[in-house]
Amino acid sequence: MTFNENNVNANSPYLGGGVTTDSVKVHMQSIHHMFVAIAKAVIFGHEINNNFQIGCMIAYAPMYAYSCDPKDVILSAEEMNKIYFFSGVMCRGFYPSYKMREFERKGIIIAKDK
């Protein structure tokens, strides 16, 4: 395991990643750096021993809709996506399309180093 419960960053940037600013752009960039660090740690681990099994741990607290009102159901699904986003990127290796659309709407550009 690389980072424990790294999705805590979604709702608590300081607790989950030490981010002290309210800037969403800085927050998302710091999460990207964490994803890169995780990927590099996995690559390095497999260079040491190809049989290593390296996984991830997420904090999981289901978000149930307040009522059966479609607005509440959509809100709970959006909150759950905050959790799924982290495991999805770590397991699949890329950002999901819904997150890329969110970045575009919010004017967030992630600097991706090579």
PDB file of N, CA and C in Angstrom:
ATOM      1  N   MET A   1       0.842  -1.165   0.000  1.00  0.00           N
ATOM      2  CA  MET A   1       0.000   0.000   0.000  1.00  0.00           C
ATOM      3  C   MET A   1       0.894   1.237   0.000  1.00  0.00           C
ATOM      4  N   THR A   2       0.506   2.226  -0.751  1.00  0.00           N
ATOM      5  CA  THR A   2       1.300   3.453  -0.845  1.00  0.00           C
ATOM      6  C   THR A   2       0.781   4.492   0.143  1.00  0.00           C
ATOM      7  N   PHE A   3      -0.254   5.217  -0.192  1.00  0.00           N
ATOM      8  CA  PHE A   3      -0.868   6.192   0.716  1.00  0.00           C
ATOM      9  C   PHE A   3      -2.109   5.549   1.329  1.00  0.00           C
ATOM     10  N   ASN A   4      -2.290   5.719   2.613  1.00  0.00           N
ATOM     11  CA  ASN A   4      -3.469   5.177   3.275  1.00  0.00           C
ATOM     12  C   ASN A   4      -4.616   6.182   3.200  1.00  0.00           C
ATOM     13  N   GLU A   5      -5.749   5.730   2.708  1.00  0.00           N
ATOM     14  CA  GLU A   5      -6.969   6.536   2.651  1.00  0.00           C
ATOM     15  C   GLU A   5      -6.730   7.918   2.041  1.00  0.00           C
ATOM     16  N   ASN A   6      -6.089   7.930   0.874  1.00  0.00           N
ATOM     17  CA  ASN A   6      -5.755   9.211   0.247  1.00  0.00           C
ATOM     18  C   ASN A   6      -6.975   9.997  -0.207  1.00  0.00           C
ATOM     19  N   ASN A   7      -8.131   9.356  -0.289  1.00  0.00           N
ATOM     20  CA  ASN A   7      -9.331  10.080  -0.696  1.00  0.00           C
ATOM     21  C   ASN A   7      -9.857  11.014   0.395  1.00  0.00           C
ATOM     22  N   VAL A   8      -9.262  10.978   1.578  1.00  0.00           N
ATOM     23  CA  VAL A   8      -9.617  11.948   2.621  1.00  0.00           C
ATOM     24  C   VAL A   8      -9.356  13.361   2.095  1.00  0.00           C
ATOM     25  N   ASN A   9      -8.453  13.466   1.124  1.00  0.00           N
ATOM     26  CA  ASN A   9      -8.167  14.749   0.467  1.00  0.00           C
ATOM     27  C   ASN A   9      -9.407  15.398  -0.131  1.00  0.00           C
ATOM     28  N   ALA A  10     -10.382  14.609  -0.540  1.00  0.00           N
ATOM     29  CA  ALA A  10     -11.566  15.149  -1.216  1.00  0.00           C
ATOM     30  C   ALA A  10     -12.298  16.169  -0.353  1.00  0.00           C
ATOM     31  N   ASN A  11     -12.440  15.882   0.918  1.00  0.00           N
ATOM     32  CA  ASN A  11     -13.196  16.762   1.804  1.00  0.00           C
ATOM     33  C   ASN A  11     -12.342  17.471   2.840  1.00  0.00           C
ATOM     34  N   SER A  12     -11.110  17.043   2.991  1.00  0.00           N
ATOM     35  CA  SER A  12     -10.237  17.651   3.994  1.00  0.00           C
ATOM     36  C   SER A  12      -8.819  17.774   3.440  1.00  0.00           C
ATOM     37  N   PRO A  13      -8.578  18.788   2.597  1.00  0.00           N
ATOM     38  CA  PRO A  13      -7.273  18.920   1.945  1.00  0.00           C
ATOM     39  C   PRO A  13      -6.099  19.002   2.923  1.00  0.00           C
ATOM     40  N   TYR A  14      -6.289  19.636   4.064  1.00  0.00           N
ATOM     41  CA  TYR A  14      -5.177  19.745   5.012  1.00  0.00           C
ATOM     42  C   TYR A  14      -4.919  18.407   5.696  1.00  0.00           C
ATOM     43  N   LEU A  15      -5.963  17.770   6.182  1.00  0.00           N
ATOM     44  CA  LEU A  15      -5.808  16.493   6.867  1.00  0.00           C
ATOM     45  C   LEU A  15      -5.272  15.420   5.927  1.00  0.00           C
ATOM     46  N   GLY A  16      -5.789  15.383   4.700  1.00  0.00           N
ATOM     47  CA  GLY A  16      -5.404  14.342   3.761  1.00  0.00           C
ATOM     48  C   GLY A  16      -4.125  14.596   2.998  1.00  0.00           C
ATOM     49  N   GLY A  17      -3.745  15.867   2.850  1.00  0.00           N
ATOM     50  CA  GLY A  17      -2.575  16.141   2.025  1.00  0.00           C
ATOM     51  C   GLY A  17      -1.742  17.331   2.437  1.00  0.00           C
ATOM     52  N   GLY A  18      -2.082  17.958   3.557  1.00  0.00           N
ATOM     53  CA  GLY A  18      -1.285  19.084   4.035  1.00  0.00           C
ATOM     54  C   GLY A  18      -1.489  20.368   3.256  1.00  0.00           C
ATOM     55  N   VAL A  19      -2.563  20.460   2.468  1.00  0.00           N
ATOM     56  CA  VAL A  19      -2.828  21.656   1.666  1.00  0.00           C
ATOM     57  C   VAL A  19      -3.463  22.713   2.561  1.00  0.00           C
ATOM     58  N   THR A  20      -2.840  23.897   2.606  1.00  0.00           N
ATOM     59  CA  THR A  20      -3.297  24.949   3.521  1.00  0.00           C
ATOM     60  C   THR A  20      -4.017  26.094   2.825  1.00  0.00           C
ATOM     61  N   THR A  21      -4.267  25.980   1.546  1.00  0.00           N
ATOM     62  CA  THR A  21      -4.957  27.035   0.806  1.00  0.00           C
ATOM     63  C   THR A  21      -6.369  26.585   0.445  1.00  0.00           C
ATOM     64  N   ASP A  22      -7.234  27.530   0.193  1.00  0.00           N
ATOM     65  CA  ASP A  22      -8.594  27.207  -0.236  1.00  0.00           C
ATOM     66  C   ASP A  22      -8.697  27.065  -1.755  1.00  0.00           C
ATOM     67  N   SER A  23      -7.594  27.212  -2.465  1.00  0.00           N
ATOM     68  CA  SER A  23      -7.595  27.135  -3.924  1.00  0.00           C
ATOM     69  C   SER A  23      -7.872  25.703  -4.391  1.00  0.00           C
ATOM     70  N   VAL A  24      -8.961  25.542  -5.140  1.00  0.00           N
ATOM     71  CA  VAL A  24      -9.302  24.227  -5.683  1.00  0.00           C
ATOM     72  C   VAL A  24      -8.232  23.773  -6.666  1.00  0.00           C
ATOM     73  N   LYS A  25      -7.662  24.712  -7.421  1.00  0.00           N
ATOM     74  CA  LYS A  25      -6.613  24.366  -8.390  1.00  0.00           C
ATOM     75  C   LYS A  25      -5.388  23.792  -7.685  1.00  0.00           C
ATOM     76  N   VAL A  26      -4.964  24.434  -6.600  1.00  0.00           N
ATOM     77  CA  VAL A  26      -3.805  23.942  -5.840  1.00  0.00           C
ATOM     78  C   VAL A  26      -4.132  22.584  -5.227  1.00  0.00           C
ATOM     79  N   HIS A  27      -5.330  22.461  -4.700  1.00  0.00           N
ATOM     80  CA  HIS A  27      -5.765  21.205  -4.095  1.00  0.00           C
ATOM     81  C   HIS A  27      -5.722  20.063  -5.111  1.00  0.00           C
ATOM     82  N   MET A  28      -6.291  20.275  -6.295  1.00  0.00           N
ATOM     83  CA  MET A  28      -6.309  19.221  -7.306  1.00  0.00           C
ATOM     84  C   MET A  28      -4.913  18.928  -7.849  1.00  0.00           C
ATOM     85  N   GLN A  29      -4.063  19.947  -7.932  1.00  0.00           N
ATOM     86  CA  GLN A  29      -2.687  19.716  -8.376  1.00  0.00           C
ATOM     87  C   GLN A  29      -1.950  18.855  -7.352  1.00  0.00           C
ATOM     88  N   SER A  30      -2.189  19.102  -6.069  1.00  0.00           N
ATOM     89  CA  SER A  30      -1.528  18.299  -5.033  1.00  0.00           C
ATOM     90  C   SER A  30      -1.994  16.847  -5.096  1.00  0.00           C
ATOM     91  N   ILE A  31      -3.273  16.639  -5.391  1.00  0.00           N
ATOM     92  CA  ILE A  31      -3.784  15.275  -5.544  1.00  0.00           C
ATOM     93  C   ILE A  31      -3.126  14.603  -6.748  1.00  0.00           C
ATOM     94  N   HIS A  32      -2.948  15.349  -7.828  1.00  0.00           N
ATOM     95  CA  HIS A  32      -2.270  14.792  -9.010  1.00  0.00           C
ATOM     96  C   HIS A  32      -0.844  14.358  -8.649  1.00  0.00           C
ATOM     97  N   HIS A  33      -0.137  15.196  -7.900  1.00  0.00           N
ATOM     98  CA  HIS A  33       1.226  14.835  -7.489  1.00  0.00           C
ATOM     99  C   HIS A  33       1.219  13.555  -6.651  1.00  0.00           C
ATOM    100  N   MET A  34       0.198  13.394  -5.825  1.00  0.00           N
ATOM    101  CA  MET A  34       0.100  12.175  -5.031  1.00  0.00           C
ATOM    102  C   MET A  34      -0.127  10.966  -5.936  1.00  0.00           C
ATOM    103  N   PHE A  35      -0.983  11.112  -6.950  1.00  0.00           N
ATOM    104  CA  PHE A  35      -1.199  10.012  -7.895  1.00  0.00           C
ATOM    105  C   PHE A  35       0.102   9.637  -8.604  1.00  0.00           C
ATOM    106  N   VAL A  36       0.883  10.638  -8.995  1.00  0.00           N
ATOM    107  CA  VAL A  36       2.168  10.372  -9.661  1.00  0.00           C
ATOM    108  C   VAL A  36       3.111   9.645  -8.705  1.00  0.00           C
ATOM    109  N   ALA A  37       3.156  10.083  -7.449  1.00  0.00           N
ATOM    110  CA  ALA A  37       4.017   9.427  -6.457  1.00  0.00           C
ATOM    111  C   ALA A  37       3.597   7.971  -6.258  1.00  0.00           C
ATOM    112  N   ILE A  38       2.301   7.728  -6.226  1.00  0.00           N
ATOM    113  CA  ILE A  38       1.799   6.360  -6.077  1.00  0.00           C
ATOM    114  C   ILE A  38       2.236   5.509  -7.268  1.00  0.00           C
ATOM    115  N   ALA A  39       2.065   6.029  -8.473  1.00  0.00           N
ATOM    116  CA  ALA A  39       2.447   5.280  -9.674  1.00  0.00           C
ATOM    117  C   ALA A  39       3.942   4.974  -9.680  1.00  0.00           C
ATOM    118  N   LYS A  40       4.752   5.966  -9.298  1.00  0.00           N
ATOM    119  CA  LYS A  40       6.205   5.748  -9.263  1.00  0.00           C
ATOM    120  C   LYS A  40       6.581   4.719  -8.206  1.00  0.00           C
ATOM    121  N   ALA A  41       5.893   4.736  -7.063  1.00  0.00           N
ATOM    122  CA  ALA A  41       6.175   3.755  -6.011  1.00  0.00           C
ATOM    123  C   ALA A  41       5.826   2.342  -6.478  1.00  0.00           C
ATOM    124  N   VAL A  42       4.727   2.206  -7.204  1.00  0.00           N
ATOM    125  CA  VAL A  42       4.333   0.899  -7.728  1.00  0.00           C
ATOM    126  C   VAL A  42       5.357   0.409  -8.753  1.00  0.00           C
ATOM    127  N   ILE A  43       5.766   1.282  -9.654  1.00  0.00           N
ATOM    128  CA  ILE A  43       6.778   0.915 -10.652  1.00  0.00           C
ATOM    129  C   ILE A  43       8.070   0.494  -9.965  1.00  0.00           C
ATOM    130  N   PHE A  44       8.516   1.278  -8.991  1.00  0.00           N
ATOM    131  CA  PHE A  44       9.748   0.966  -8.267  1.00  0.00           C
ATOM    132  C   PHE A  44       9.612  -0.362  -7.522  1.00  0.00           C
ATOM    133  N   GLY A  45       8.463  -0.570  -6.895  1.00  0.00           N
ATOM    134  CA  GLY A  45       8.243  -1.830  -6.182  1.00  0.00           C
ATOM    135  C   GLY A  45       8.335  -3.030  -7.101  1.00  0.00           C
ATOM    136  N   HIS A  46       7.781  -2.912  -8.296  1.00  0.00           N
ATOM    137  CA  HIS A  46       7.840  -4.023  -9.243  1.00  0.00           C
ATOM    138  C   HIS A  46       9.232  -4.200  -9.839  1.00  0.00           C
ATOM    139  N   GLU A  47      10.025  -3.131  -9.873  1.00  0.00           N
ATOM    140  CA  GLU A  47      11.419  -3.280 -10.295  1.00  0.00           C
ATOM    141  C   GLU A  47      12.202  -4.072  -9.252  1.00  0.00           C
ATOM    142  N   ILE A  48      11.861  -3.881  -7.991  1.00  0.00           N
ATOM    143  CA  ILE A  48      12.523  -4.626  -6.918  1.00  0.00           C
ATOM    144  C   ILE A  48      12.119  -6.094  -6.980  1.00  0.00           C
ATOM    145  N   ASN A  49      10.823  -6.325  -7.090  1.00  0.00           N
ATOM    146  CA  ASN A  49      10.319  -7.693  -7.140  1.00  0.00           C
ATOM    147  C   ASN A  49       9.004  -7.681  -7.913  1.00  0.00           C
ATOM    148  N   ASN A  50       9.007  -8.301  -9.063  1.00  0.00           N
ATOM    149  CA  ASN A  50       7.831  -8.297  -9.929  1.00  0.00           C
ATOM    150  C   ASN A  50       6.632  -8.994  -9.295  1.00  0.00           C
ATOM    151  N   ASN A  51       6.865  -9.780  -8.260  1.00  0.00           N
ATOM    152  CA  ASN A  51       5.775 -10.484  -7.591  1.00  0.00           C
ATOM    153  C   ASN A  51       5.116  -9.663  -6.488  1.00  0.00           C
ATOM    154  N   PHE A  52       5.652  -8.485  -6.197  1.00  0.00           N
ATOM    155  CA  PHE A  52       5.021  -7.632  -5.183  1.00  0.00           C
ATOM    156  C   PHE A  52       3.584  -7.332  -5.590  1.00  0.00           C
ATOM    157  N   GLN A  53       2.708  -7.361  -4.621  1.00  0.00           N
ATOM    158  CA  GLN A  53       1.320  -6.959  -4.841  1.00  0.00           C
ATOM    159  C   GLN A  53       1.109  -5.656  -4.085  1.00  0.00           C
ATOM    160  N   ILE A  54       0.927  -4.586  -4.823  1.00  0.00           N
ATOM    161  CA  ILE A  54       0.821  -3.255  -4.230  1.00  0.00           C
ATOM    162  C   ILE A  54      -0.586  -2.742  -4.489  1.00  0.00           C
ATOM    163  N   GLY A  55      -1.292  -2.444  -3.425  1.00  0.00           N
ATOM    164  CA  GLY A  55      -2.682  -2.019  -3.561  1.00  0.00           C
ATOM    165  C   GLY A  55      -2.912  -0.641  -2.980  1.00  0.00           C
ATOM    166  N   CYS A  56      -4.175  -0.312  -2.842  1.00  0.00           N
ATOM    167  CA  CYS A  56      -4.539   0.988  -2.295  1.00  0.00           C
ATOM    168  C   CYS A  56      -5.633   0.804  -1.243  1.00  0.00           C
ATOM    169  N   MET A  57      -5.749   1.792  -0.388  1.00  0.00           N
ATOM    170  CA  MET A  57      -6.776   1.784   0.651  1.00  0.00           C
ATOM    171  C   MET A  57      -7.526   3.103   0.572  1.00  0.00           C
ATOM    172  N   ILE A  58      -8.836   3.028   0.534  1.00  0.00           N
ATOM    173  CA  ILE A  58      -9.629   4.254   0.546  1.00  0.00           C
ATOM    174  C   ILE A  58     -10.506   4.261   1.792  1.00  0.00           C
ATOM    175  N   ALA A  59     -10.790   5.465   2.274  1.00  0.00           N
ATOM    176  CA  ALA A  59     -11.754   5.625   3.360  1.00  0.00           C
ATOM    177  C   ALA A  59     -13.131   5.564   2.717  1.00  0.00           C
ATOM    178  N   TYR A  60     -13.973   4.685   3.203  1.00  0.00           N
ATOM    179  CA  TYR A  60     -15.275   4.500   2.557  1.00  0.00           C
ATOM    180  C   TYR A  60     -16.395   4.737   3.557  1.00  0.00           C
ATOM    181  N   ALA A  61     -17.183   5.733   3.306  1.00  0.00           N
ATOM    182  CA  ALA A  61     -18.375   6.019   4.102  1.00  0.00           C
ATOM    183  C   ALA A  61     -19.506   6.292   3.123  1.00  0.00           C
ATOM    184  N   PRO A  62     -20.432   5.358   2.968  1.00  0.00           N
ATOM    185  CA  PRO A  62     -21.495   5.551   1.982  1.00  0.00           C
ATOM    186  C   PRO A  62     -22.319   6.803   2.254  1.00  0.00           C
ATOM    187  N   MET A  63     -22.697   7.455   1.192  1.00  0.00           N
ATOM    188  CA  MET A  63     -23.533   8.653   1.273  1.00  0.00           C
ATOM    189  C   MET A  63     -24.910   8.299   0.729  1.00  0.00           C
ATOM    190  N   TYR A  64     -25.864   8.220   1.615  1.00  0.00           N
ATOM    191  CA  TYR A  64     -27.226   7.893   1.204  1.00  0.00           C
ATOM    192  C   TYR A  64     -28.008   9.169   0.942  1.00  0.00           C
ATOM    193  N   ALA A  65     -28.928   9.089   0.009  1.00  0.00           N
ATOM    194  CA  ALA A  65     -29.771  10.242  -0.299  1.00  0.00           C
ATOM    195  C   ALA A  65     -30.655  10.568   0.906  1.00  0.00           C
ATOM    196  N   TYR A  66     -30.862  11.847   1.138  1.00  0.00           N
ATOM    197  CA  TYR A  66     -31.709  12.297   2.241  1.00  0.00           C
ATOM    198  C   TYR A  66     -33.153  11.852   2.036  1.00  0.00           C
ATOM    199  N   SER A  67     -33.569  11.831   0.781  1.00  0.00           N
ATOM    200  CA  SER A  67     -34.936  11.423   0.442  1.00  0.00           C
ATOM    201  C   SER A  67     -34.908  10.784  -0.942  1.00  0.00           C
ATOM    202  N   CYS A  68     -36.087  10.416  -1.434  1.00  0.00           N
ATOM    203  CA  CYS A  68     -36.143   9.841  -2.786  1.00  0.00           C
ATOM    204  C   CYS A  68     -36.268  10.922  -3.855  1.00  0.00           C
ATOM    205  N   ASP A  69     -36.194  12.170  -3.455  1.00  0.00           N
ATOM    206  CA  ASP A  69     -36.199  13.286  -4.406  1.00  0.00           C
ATOM    207  C   ASP A  69     -34.991  13.123  -5.328  1.00  0.00           C
ATOM    208  N   PRO A  70     -35.185  13.158  -6.640  1.00  0.00           N
ATOM    209  CA  PRO A  70     -34.065  12.978  -7.570  1.00  0.00           C
ATOM    210  C   PRO A  70     -32.881  13.906  -7.295  1.00  0.00           C
ATOM    211  N   LYS A  71     -33.136  15.119  -6.827  1.00  0.00           N
ATOM    212  CA  LYS A  71     -32.035  16.039  -6.512  1.00  0.00           C
ATOM    213  C   LYS A  71     -31.168  15.478  -5.389  1.00  0.00           C
ATOM    214  N   ASP A  72     -31.801  14.875  -4.384  1.00  0.00           N
ATOM    215  CA  ASP A  72     -31.049  14.271  -3.282  1.00  0.00           C
ATOM    216  C   ASP A  72     -30.273  13.047  -3.750  1.00  0.00           C
ATOM    217  N   VAL A  73     -30.885  12.263  -4.621  1.00  0.00           N
ATOM    218  CA  VAL A  73     -30.225  11.062  -5.145  1.00  0.00           C
ATOM    219  C   VAL A  73     -29.002  11.450  -5.971  1.00  0.00           C
ATOM    220  N   ILE A  74     -29.145  12.462  -6.816  1.00  0.00           N
ATOM    221  CA  ILE A  74     -28.017  12.932  -7.630  1.00  0.00           C
ATOM    222  C   ILE A  74     -26.911  13.476  -6.732  1.00  0.00           C
ATOM    223  N   LEU A  75     -27.275  14.232  -5.706  1.00  0.00           N
ATOM    224  CA  LEU A  75     -26.282  14.772  -4.783  1.00  0.00           C
ATOM    225  C   LEU A  75     -25.510  13.653  -4.088  1.00  0.00           C
ATOM    226  N   SER A  76     -26.197  12.608  -3.648  1.00  0.00           N
ATOM    227  CA  SER A  76     -25.493  11.505  -2.989  1.00  0.00           C
ATOM    228  C   SER A  76     -24.567  10.790  -3.968  1.00  0.00           C
ATOM    229  N   ALA A  77     -24.996  10.638  -5.229  1.00  0.00           N
ATOM    230  CA  ALA A  77     -24.136  10.010  -6.244  1.00  0.00           C
ATOM    231  C   ALA A  77     -22.899  10.860  -6.504  1.00  0.00           C
ATOM    232  N   GLU A  78     -23.068  12.172  -6.553  1.00  0.00           N
ATOM    233  CA  GLU A  78     -21.920  13.065  -6.757  1.00  0.00           C
ATOM    234  C   GLU A  78     -20.950  12.978  -5.583  1.00  0.00           C
ATOM    235  N   GLU A  79     -21.467  12.867  -4.374  1.00  0.00           N
ATOM    236  CA  GLU A  79     -20.600  12.727  -3.202  1.00  0.00           C
ATOM    237  C   GLU A  79     -19.844  11.400  -3.241  1.00  0.00           C
ATOM    238  N   MET A  80     -20.506  10.329  -3.667  1.00  0.00           N
ATOM    239  CA  MET A  80     -19.839   9.031  -3.774  1.00  0.00           C
ATOM    240  C   MET A  80     -18.758   9.068  -4.852  1.00  0.00           C
ATOM    241  N   ASN A  81     -18.980   9.841  -5.918  1.00  0.00           N
ATOM    242  CA  ASN A  81     -17.959   9.958  -6.962  1.00  0.00           C
ATOM    243  C   ASN A  81     -16.666  10.541  -6.415  1.00  0.00           C
ATOM    244  N   LYS A  82     -16.752  11.370  -5.372  1.00  0.00           N
ATOM    245  CA  LYS A  82     -15.536  11.904  -4.749  1.00  0.00           C
ATOM    246  C   LYS A  82     -14.684  10.771  -4.193  1.00  0.00           C
ATOM    247  N   ILE A  83     -15.332   9.742  -3.664  1.00  0.00           N
ATOM    248  CA  ILE A  83     -14.612   8.581  -3.133  1.00  0.00           C
ATOM    249  C   ILE A  83     -14.105   7.713  -4.282  1.00  0.00           C
ATOM    250  N   TYR A  84     -14.995   7.411  -5.228  1.00  0.00           N
ATOM    251  CA  TYR A  84     -14.632   6.523  -6.334  1.00  0.00           C
ATOM    252  C   TYR A  84     -13.547   7.110  -7.227  1.00  0.00           C
ATOM    253  N   PHE A  85     -13.484   8.424  -7.310  1.00  0.00           N
ATOM    254  CA  PHE A  85     -12.483   9.081  -8.150  1.00  0.00           C
ATOM    255  C   PHE A  85     -11.078   8.595  -7.807  1.00  0.00           C
ATOM    256  N   PHE A  86     -10.743   8.562  -6.532  1.00  0.00           N
ATOM    257  CA  PHE A  86      -9.391   8.198  -6.115  1.00  0.00           C
ATOM    258  C   PHE A  86      -9.061   6.753  -6.463  1.00  0.00           C
ATOM    259  N   SER A  87      -9.928   5.830  -6.119  1.00  0.00           N
ATOM    260  CA  SER A  87      -9.644   4.428  -6.430  1.00  0.00           C
ATOM    261  C   SER A  87      -9.665   4.194  -7.937  1.00  0.00           C
ATOM    262  N   GLY A  88     -10.532   4.903  -8.645  1.00  0.00           N
ATOM    263  CA  GLY A  88     -10.586   4.753 -10.098  1.00  0.00           C
ATOM    264  C   GLY A  88      -9.292   5.150 -10.773  1.00  0.00           C
ATOM    265  N   VAL A  89      -8.730   6.280 -10.370  1.00  0.00           N
ATOM    266  CA  VAL A  89      -7.463   6.732 -10.964  1.00  0.00           C
ATOM    267  C   VAL A  89      -6.344   5.757 -10.607  1.00  0.00           C
ATOM    268  N   MET A  90      -6.295   5.322  -9.350  1.00  0.00           N
ATOM    269  CA  MET A  90      -5.212   4.424  -8.942  1.00  0.00           C
ATOM    270  C   MET A  90      -5.309   3.062  -9.617  1.00  0.00           C
ATOM    271  N   CYS A  91      -6.512   2.564  -9.835  1.00  0.00           N
ATOM    272  CA  CYS A  91      -6.673   1.243 -10.447  1.00  0.00           C
ATOM    273  C   CYS A  91      -6.606   1.272 -11.969  1.00  0.00           C
ATOM    274  N   ARG A  92      -7.108   2.344 -12.563  1.00  0.00           N
ATOM    275  CA  ARG A  92      -7.161   2.416 -14.027  1.00  0.00           C
ATOM    276  C   ARG A  92      -6.008   3.200 -14.633  1.00  0.00           C
ATOM    277  N   GLY A  93      -5.461   4.140 -13.872  1.00  0.00           N
ATOM    278  CA  GLY A  93      -4.321   4.896 -14.367  1.00  0.00           C
ATOM    279  C   GLY A  93      -4.663   6.139 -15.160  1.00  0.00           C
ATOM    280  N   PHE A  94      -5.912   6.559 -15.134  1.00  0.00           N
ATOM    281  CA  PHE A  94      -6.284   7.786 -15.841  1.00  0.00           C
ATOM    282  C   PHE A  94      -7.474   8.435 -15.137  1.00  0.00           C
ATOM    283  N   TYR A  95      -7.674   9.717 -15.455  1.00  0.00           N
ATOM    284  CA  TYR A  95      -8.786  10.464 -14.878  1.00  0.00           C
ATOM    285  C   TYR A  95     -10.081  10.107 -15.600  1.00  0.00           C
ATOM    286  N   PRO A  96     -11.168   9.891 -14.864  1.00  0.00           N
ATOM    287  CA  PRO A  96     -12.440   9.598 -15.520  1.00  0.00           C
ATOM    288  C   PRO A  96     -12.981  10.825 -16.253  1.00  0.00           C
ATOM    289  N   SER A  97     -13.802  10.579 -17.249  1.00  0.00           N
ATOM    290  CA  SER A  97     -14.309  11.677 -18.078  1.00  0.00           C
ATOM    291  C   SER A  97     -15.134  12.676 -17.269  1.00  0.00           C
ATOM    292  N   TYR A  98     -15.880  12.215 -16.263  1.00  0.00           N
ATOM    293  CA  TYR A  98     -16.677  13.164 -15.478  1.00  0.00           C
ATOM    294  C   TYR A  98     -15.787  14.138 -14.717  1.00  0.00           C
ATOM    295  N   LYS A  99     -14.610  13.678 -14.287  1.00  0.00           N
ATOM    296  CA  LYS A  99     -13.690  14.562 -13.567  1.00  0.00           C
ATOM    297  C   LYS A  99     -13.043  15.545 -14.532  1.00  0.00           C
ATOM    298  N   MET A 100     -12.723  15.092 -15.735  1.00  0.00           N
ATOM    299  CA  MET A 100     -12.144  15.992 -16.731  1.00  0.00           C
ATOM    300  C   MET A 100     -13.141  17.093 -17.098  1.00  0.00           C
ATOM    301  N   ARG A 101     -14.418  16.740 -17.205  1.00  0.00           N
ATOM    302  CA  ARG A 101     -15.450  17.754 -17.486  1.00  0.00           C
ATOM    303  C   ARG A 101     -15.573  18.732 -16.320  1.00  0.00           C
ATOM    304  N   GLU A 102     -15.470  18.217 -15.109  1.00  0.00           N
ATOM    305  CA  GLU A 102     -15.513  19.095 -13.932  1.00  0.00           C
ATOM    306  C   GLU A 102     -14.338  20.066 -13.954  1.00  0.00           C
ATOM    307  N   PHE A 103     -13.143  19.562 -14.260  1.00  0.00           N
ATOM    308  CA  PHE A 103     -11.963  20.434 -14.352  1.00  0.00           C
ATOM    309  C   PHE A 103     -12.203  21.533 -15.381  1.00  0.00           C
ATOM    310  N   GLU A 104     -12.753  21.148 -16.522  1.00  0.00           N
ATOM    311  CA  GLU A 104     -12.998  22.125 -17.587  1.00  0.00           C
ATOM    312  C   GLU A 104     -13.993  23.194 -17.126  1.00  0.00           C
ATOM    313  N   ARG A 105     -15.077  22.769 -16.480  1.00  0.00           N
ATOM    314  CA  ARG A 105     -16.081  23.723 -15.986  1.00  0.00           C
ATOM    315  C   ARG A 105     -15.490  24.696 -14.973  1.00  0.00           C
ATOM    316  N   LYS A 106     -14.572  24.195 -14.137  1.00  0.00           N
ATOM    317  CA  LYS A 106     -13.995  25.018 -13.071  1.00  0.00           C
ATOM    318  C   LYS A 106     -12.714  25.727 -13.498  1.00  0.00           C
ATOM    319  N   GLY A 107     -12.269  25.511 -14.738  1.00  0.00           N
ATOM    320  CA  GLY A 107     -11.050  26.149 -15.220  1.00  0.00           C
ATOM    321  C   GLY A 107      -9.790  25.588 -14.589  1.00  0.00           C
ATOM    322  N   ILE A 108      -9.833  24.326 -14.205  1.00  0.00           N
ATOM    323  CA  ILE A 108      -8.681  23.682 -13.569  1.00  0.00           C
ATOM    324  C   ILE A 108      -7.840  23.002 -14.641  1.00  0.00           C
ATOM    325  N   ILE A 109      -6.568  23.359 -14.691  1.00  0.00           N
ATOM    326  CA  ILE A 109      -5.624  22.728 -15.611  1.00  0.00           C
ATOM    327  C   ILE A 109      -4.554  22.059 -14.759  1.00  0.00           C
ATOM    328  N   ILE A 110      -4.465  20.739 -14.873  1.00  0.00           N
ATOM    329  CA  ILE A 110      -3.486  19.977 -14.105  1.00  0.00           C
ATOM    330  C   ILE A 110      -2.169  19.970 -14.869  1.00  0.00           C
ATOM    331  N   ALA A 111      -1.112  20.459 -14.226  1.00  0.00           N
ATOM    332  CA  ALA A 111       0.223  20.421 -14.837  1.00  0.00           C
ATOM    333  C   ALA A 111       0.744  18.996 -14.719  1.00  0.00           C
ATOM    334  N   LYS A 112       0.963  18.364 -15.864  1.00  0.00           N
ATOM    335  CA  LYS A 112       1.427  16.979 -15.880  1.00  0.00           C
ATOM    336  C   LYS A 112       2.870  16.951 -16.334  1.00  0.00           C
ATOM    337  N   ASP A 113       3.757  16.622 -15.402  1.00  0.00           N
ATOM    338  CA  ASP A 113       5.178  16.505 -15.727  1.00  0.00           C
ATOM    339  C   ASP A 113       5.411  15.207 -16.470  1.00  0.00           C
ATOM    340  N   LYS A 114       6.469  15.209 -17.267  1.00  0.00           N
ATOM    341  CA  LYS A 114       6.802  13.987 -18.001  1.00  0.00           C
ATOM    342  C   LYS A 114       7.909  13.258 -17.322  1.00  0.00           C
TER     343      LYS A 114
END
